[in-house]
Amino acid sequence: MQQQAQQEHQQAQQQQRQQVQQQRLAQQRQQTQQERAAQQRQAQQQSQQQRQQELQQQRNQQQQDRLAQLQQRQQSQQRLSQQRQQQLIREQQQRLVLYRQQLQQQQRQLQQRQQLLQQQRRLAQYRYQQQYLAQLQQQQILLQNSRNYDYNNDPYYYTAPNYRYQRDGRSYDVNQYAADMLRQAVNDGYEQGFRAGQADREDGWRDGNYRDSYAYQDASYGYNGNYVNQGEYQYYFREGFERGFEDGYNSRNQYGSYSNGKYAILGAVLSQVLNLQNLF
């Protein structure tokens, strides 16, 4: 009996030790869970604080950008002297006279070029150049309708320059309206180059070379005679055309993209080509 009692006592002690150990393990798990929860709350708080700081920095940057844009807009809207305005208007009128004469000559040259394309059986290129000719004709109509243009109410003629760019070792100062025309030249050049290169590829024309395209030689697509000299427009049109032709002929989008039915040069490439620098 005494031996049985000792065994029962030992079993009871063993059970008690197991219960104590289980309690300790439960407490440790609970403590670990509490520590993890505390760490998660701390991490969330730090993340929220970091996010709030980032948002505040973004708001501060946006405010600075708005102030800079406002300042730039105010500076760019500084009016030129009346004498300078009249000089720009005279230069513009002289440009238009020359451009009207050149447009007629360009259309005759393009019609002769189309006959050669038909002889070479380059049908896709022929269709493309028909579209190009239609655009030149439309530009001529717009020029005829601009004879009574009110230059005095066009902000280009009284807005001071706010950009500078360099070409062939010379610096040029232009305002927002002239800068937009240069951007258009590059973009129009890229789109027309892409379509010309695409047409040569469709025709299987192995001698595809952007310099042989009449559109590259003419480089007046989209030019309305305003804000910049034709030579400046043509230079930047050809810069875009070369890149567009390479993309179109090789069926790729290295320099541009396609969206909403139009081919457009990439913004980074456009900035690199023009390299416009703010004066303010």
Protein backbone atom coordinates (compact mmCIF):
# COMPACT_ATOMS: atom_id res chain seq x y z
CA MET A 1 0.00 0.00 0.00
CA GLN A 2 2.79 2.36 0.92
CA GLN A 3 4.51 1.71 -2.42
CA GLN A 4 1.29 2.41 -4.33
CA ALA A 5 0.81 5.65 -2.43
CA GLN A 6 4.33 6.76 -3.37
CA GLN A 7 3.68 6.03 -7.04
CA GLU A 8 0.46 8.03 -6.99
CA HIS A 9 2.29 10.90 -5.30
CA GLN A 10 5.04 10.82 -7.94
CA GLN A 11 2.45 10.80 -10.72
CA ALA A 12 0.69 13.77 -9.16
CA GLN A 13 3.97 15.66 -8.95
CA GLN A 14 4.76 14.77 -12.57
CA GLN A 15 1.37 16.03 -13.69
CA GLN A 16 1.85 19.21 -11.67
CA ARG A 17 5.25 19.82 -13.27
CA GLN A 18 3.74 19.27 -16.75
CA GLN A 19 0.95 21.73 -16.00
CA VAL A 20 3.47 24.30 -14.79
CA GLN A 21 5.54 23.77 -17.94
CA GLN A 22 2.46 24.11 -20.16
CA GLN A 23 1.51 27.30 -18.36
CA ARG A 24 5.00 28.68 -18.89
CA LEU A 25 4.88 27.75 -22.58
CA ALA A 26 1.45 29.38 -22.89
CA GLN A 27 2.78 32.53 -21.21
CA GLN A 28 5.80 32.57 -23.51
CA ARG A 29 3.59 32.21 -26.60
CA GLN A 30 1.32 34.94 -25.32
CA GLN A 31 4.29 37.19 -24.64
CA THR A 32 5.73 36.45 -28.09
CA GLN A 33 2.39 37.28 -29.72
CA GLN A 34 2.17 40.51 -27.74
CA GLU A 35 5.69 41.47 -28.76
CA ARG A 36 4.92 40.73 -32.42
CA ALA A 37 1.72 42.74 -32.22
CA ALA A 38 3.65 45.62 -30.64
CA GLN A 39 6.28 45.41 -33.36
CA GLN A 40 3.59 45.40 -36.06
CA ARG A 41 1.91 48.43 -34.49
CA GLN A 42 5.23 50.20 -34.31
CA ALA A 43 6.04 49.31 -37.91
CA GLN A 44 2.60 50.54 -39.03
CA GLN A 45 3.07 53.78 -37.13
CA GLN A 46 6.49 54.28 -38.69
CA SER A 47 5.09 53.48 -42.12
CA GLN A 48 2.24 55.95 -41.60
CA GLN A 49 4.66 58.61 -40.40
CA GLN A 50 6.92 57.99 -43.38
CA ARG A 51 3.94 58.14 -45.75
CA GLN A 52 2.77 61.39 -44.16
CA GLN A 53 6.25 62.84 -44.55
CA GLU A 54 6.35 61.76 -48.22
CA LEU A 55 2.92 63.29 -48.84
CA GLN A 56 4.00 66.50 -47.16
CA GLN A 57 7.14 66.59 -49.27
CA GLN A 58 5.05 66.01 -52.40
CA ARG A 59 2.69 68.82 -51.41
CA ASN A 60 5.62 71.11 -50.74
CA GLN A 61 7.18 70.21 -54.10
CA GLN A 62 3.88 70.71 -55.92
CA GLN A 63 3.50 74.10 -54.28
CA GLN A 64 7.02 75.06 -55.28
CA ASP A 65 6.35 73.85 -58.84
CA ARG A 66 3.14 75.89 -59.01
CA LEU A 67 4.94 78.99 -57.76
CA ALA A 68 7.75 78.43 -60.26
CA GLN A 69 5.25 77.95 -63.10
CA LEU A 70 3.37 81.06 -62.04
CA GLN A 71 6.58 83.05 -61.91
CA GLN A 72 7.65 81.69 -65.28
CA ARG A 73 4.24 82.48 -66.78
CA GLN A 74 4.35 86.00 -65.41
CA GLN A 75 7.87 86.52 -66.71
CA SER A 76 7.05 85.00 -70.10
CA GLN A 77 4.08 87.33 -70.45
CA GLN A 78 6.23 90.43 -70.13
CA ARG A 79 5.38 92.56 -73.11
CA LEU A 80 7.93 93.46 -75.71
CA SER A 81 8.34 97.04 -76.79
CA GLN A 82 6.07 98.36 -79.52
CA GLN A 83 9.09 98.77 -81.78
CA ARG A 84 10.09 95.13 -81.32
CA GLN A 85 6.52 93.97 -81.95
CA GLN A 86 6.37 95.80 -85.25
CA GLN A 87 9.73 94.34 -86.27
CA LEU A 88 8.46 90.80 -85.58
CA ILE A 89 5.30 91.46 -87.56
CA ARG A 90 7.28 92.69 -90.58
CA GLU A 91 9.51 89.63 -90.41
CA GLN A 92 6.46 87.41 -90.24
CA GLN A 93 4.84 89.04 -93.28
CA GLN A 94 8.05 88.56 -95.27
CA ARG A 95 8.17 84.88 -94.25
CA LEU A 96 4.63 84.35 -95.45
CA VAL A 97 5.32 85.90 -98.87
CA LEU A 98 8.26 83.55 -99.41
CA TYR A 99 6.40 80.57 -98.04
CA ARG A 100 3.42 81.05 -100.38
CA GLN A 101 5.77 81.01 -103.36
CA GLN A 102 7.61 77.93 -102.08
CA LEU A 103 4.40 76.00 -101.45
CA GLN A 104 3.38 76.19 -105.08
CA GLN A 105 6.81 75.00 -106.20
CA GLN A 106 6.79 72.18 -103.64
CA GLN A 107 3.47 70.86 -104.91
CA ARG A 108 4.74 70.76 -108.52
CA GLN A 109 7.86 68.86 -107.45
CA LEU A 110 5.82 66.35 -105.49
CA GLN A 111 3.51 65.68 -108.43
CA GLN A 112 6.56 64.91 -110.60
CA ARG A 113 7.89 62.62 -107.88
CA GLN A 114 4.65 60.67 -107.81
CA GLN A 115 5.03 59.77 -111.48
CA LEU A 116 8.40 58.19 -110.68
CA LEU A 117 6.87 56.18 -107.82
CA GLN A 118 4.23 54.79 -110.15
CA GLN A 119 6.92 53.72 -112.60
CA GLN A 120 8.78 51.97 -109.77
CA ARG A 121 5.51 50.28 -108.66
CA ARG A 122 5.94 51.64 -105.14
CA LEU A 123 2.21 51.81 -104.46
CA ALA A 124 2.36 52.22 -100.67
CA GLN A 125 4.84 55.08 -101.00
CA TYR A 126 2.69 56.60 -103.74
CA ARG A 127 -0.38 56.56 -101.46
CA TYR A 128 1.64 58.10 -98.63
CA GLN A 129 2.87 60.94 -100.84
CA GLN A 130 -0.67 61.58 -102.04
CA GLN A 131 -1.59 62.25 -98.41
CA TYR A 132 1.45 64.48 -98.06
CA LEU A 133 0.41 66.45 -101.17
CA ALA A 134 -3.12 66.86 -99.77
CA GLN A 135 -1.63 68.38 -96.60
CA LEU A 136 0.46 70.86 -98.60
CA GLN A 137 -2.66 71.91 -100.50
CA GLN A 138 -4.50 72.39 -97.22
CA GLN A 139 -1.65 74.52 -95.90
CA GLN A 140 -1.86 76.69 -99.02
CA ILE A 141 -5.58 77.27 -98.43
CA LEU A 142 -4.91 78.28 -94.84
CA LEU A 143 -2.27 80.74 -95.99
CA GLN A 144 -4.69 82.33 -98.43
CA ASN A 145 -7.20 82.77 -95.64
CA SER A 146 -4.65 84.45 -93.35
CA ARG A 147 -4.07 87.59 -95.41
CA ASN A 148 -6.08 89.73 -92.96
CA TYR A 149 -4.55 88.23 -89.85
CA ASP A 150 -4.69 90.43 -86.72
CA TYR A 151 -1.07 90.36 -85.56
CA ASN A 152 -1.59 92.85 -82.77
CA ASN A 153 -3.81 90.45 -80.82
CA ASP A 154 -1.51 87.46 -81.23
CA PRO A 155 0.46 87.05 -77.95
CA TYR A 156 3.51 85.73 -79.82
CA TYR A 157 4.30 89.23 -81.03
CA TYR A 158 4.36 90.86 -77.60
CA THR A 159 5.60 87.98 -75.37
CA ALA A 160 9.23 88.05 -74.32
CA PRO A 161 11.46 84.98 -74.85
CA ASN A 162 11.58 82.43 -72.03
CA TYR A 163 13.56 79.62 -73.70
CA ARG A 164 16.99 79.30 -75.23
CA TYR A 165 18.33 76.59 -77.54
CA GLN A 166 21.52 76.11 -79.49
CA ARG A 167 22.09 74.89 -83.02
CA ASP A 168 25.19 74.92 -85.17
CA GLY A 169 27.12 76.88 -82.56
CA ARG A 170 24.54 79.66 -82.25
CA SER A 171 22.05 80.45 -79.49
CA TYR A 172 18.41 81.36 -80.12
CA ASP A 173 15.96 82.88 -77.64
CA VAL A 174 12.29 82.08 -78.24
CA ASN A 175 9.03 82.45 -76.36
CA GLN A 176 6.50 79.74 -75.54
CA TYR A 177 4.70 79.99 -78.88
CA ALA A 178 7.84 79.54 -80.97
CA ALA A 179 8.96 76.69 -78.70
CA ASP A 180 5.62 74.94 -79.26
CA MET A 181 6.09 75.27 -83.01
CA LEU A 182 9.52 73.62 -82.77
CA ARG A 183 8.03 70.79 -80.73
CA GLN A 184 5.38 70.38 -83.40
CA ALA A 185 8.08 70.20 -86.08
CA VAL A 186 9.82 67.30 -84.34
CA ASN A 187 6.55 65.47 -83.69
CA ASP A 188 5.21 65.99 -87.21
CA GLY A 189 8.57 64.88 -88.57
CA TYR A 190 8.52 61.70 -86.51
CA GLU A 191 5.00 60.76 -87.59
CA GLN A 192 5.64 61.45 -91.26
CA GLY A 193 8.95 59.60 -91.09
CA PHE A 194 7.27 56.59 -89.54
CA ARG A 195 4.60 56.49 -92.26
CA ALA A 196 7.19 56.94 -95.03
CA GLY A 197 9.38 54.17 -93.61
CA GLN A 198 6.35 51.94 -93.17
CA ALA A 199 5.40 52.50 -96.82
CA ASP A 200 8.89 51.54 -98.04
CA ARG A 201 8.72 48.38 -95.94
CA GLU A 202 5.29 47.48 -97.37
CA ASP A 203 6.65 48.01 -100.89
CA GLY A 204 9.63 45.80 -100.12
CA TRP A 205 11.89 48.68 -101.14
CA ARG A 206 15.32 47.48 -100.05
CA ASP A 207 16.99 50.80 -100.76
CA GLY A 208 14.90 52.45 -98.05
CA ASN A 209 16.68 55.65 -97.06
CA TYR A 210 15.02 58.52 -95.25
CA ARG A 211 17.05 61.08 -97.23
CA ASP A 212 15.46 59.88 -100.49
CA SER A 213 11.96 60.62 -99.24
CA TYR A 214 10.40 63.78 -100.64
CA ALA A 215 8.83 64.46 -97.25
CA TYR A 216 12.33 64.61 -95.71
CA GLN A 217 13.60 66.89 -98.47
CA ASP A 218 10.57 69.18 -98.27
CA ALA A 219 10.21 69.09 -94.45
CA SER A 220 7.32 71.56 -94.45
CA TYR A 221 4.47 69.32 -93.32
CA GLY A 222 2.47 71.19 -90.68
CA TYR A 223 4.34 74.47 -91.11
CA ASN A 224 2.00 77.45 -91.24
CA GLY A 225 4.59 80.18 -91.70
CA ASN A 226 4.20 81.45 -88.14
CA TYR A 227 6.56 82.07 -85.22
CA VAL A 228 9.74 80.43 -86.58
CA ASN A 229 11.64 80.59 -89.85
CA GLN A 230 10.97 77.80 -92.30
CA GLY A 231 14.60 76.73 -92.11
CA GLU A 232 14.32 76.19 -88.35
CA TYR A 233 11.11 74.23 -88.76
CA GLN A 234 12.64 72.09 -91.50
CA TYR A 235 15.73 71.30 -89.44
CA TYR A 236 13.75 69.95 -86.51
CA PHE A 237 11.19 68.26 -88.76
CA ARG A 238 14.05 66.28 -90.31
CA GLU A 239 15.41 65.39 -86.86
CA GLY A 240 12.07 63.79 -86.06
CA PHE A 241 11.66 62.32 -89.56
CA GLU A 242 14.95 60.42 -89.44
CA ARG A 243 14.00 58.71 -86.18
CA GLY A 244 10.45 58.02 -87.32
CA PHE A 245 11.59 56.53 -90.63
CA GLU A 246 13.93 54.13 -88.83
CA ASP A 247 11.12 53.01 -86.53
CA GLY A 248 8.60 52.62 -89.36
CA TYR A 249 10.94 50.84 -91.76
CA ASN A 250 12.10 48.42 -89.06
CA SER A 251 8.62 48.00 -87.52
CA ARG A 252 9.65 49.09 -84.03
CA ASN A 253 9.06 51.85 -81.48
CA GLN A 254 12.53 52.82 -80.33
CA TYR A 255 12.02 56.58 -80.59
CA GLY A 256 8.26 56.95 -80.34
CA SER A 257 4.91 55.38 -79.58
CA TYR A 258 1.47 54.91 -81.15
CA SER A 259 -1.67 56.22 -79.48
CA ASN A 260 -5.13 57.28 -80.69
CA GLY A 261 -4.24 56.84 -84.34
CA LYS A 262 -1.07 58.95 -84.20
CA TYR A 263 2.64 58.25 -83.99
CA ALA A 264 4.42 60.55 -81.56
CA ILE A 265 8.04 60.87 -80.53
CA LEU A 266 8.90 60.02 -76.95
CA GLY A 267 9.11 62.97 -74.57
CA ALA A 268 12.67 62.14 -73.53
CA VAL A 269 13.78 62.03 -77.18
CA LEU A 270 11.97 65.30 -77.91
CA SER A 271 13.73 67.00 -75.00
CA GLN A 272 17.08 65.67 -76.17
CA VAL A 273 16.55 66.90 -79.73
CA LEU A 274 15.43 70.43 -78.79
CA ASN A 275 17.33 70.87 -75.52
CA LEU A 276 15.30 73.93 -74.59
CA GLN A 277 16.69 75.77 -71.57
CA ASN A 278 14.56 78.02 -69.35
CA LEU A 279 15.78 81.60 -69.23
CA PHE A 280 14.21 82.20 -65.82
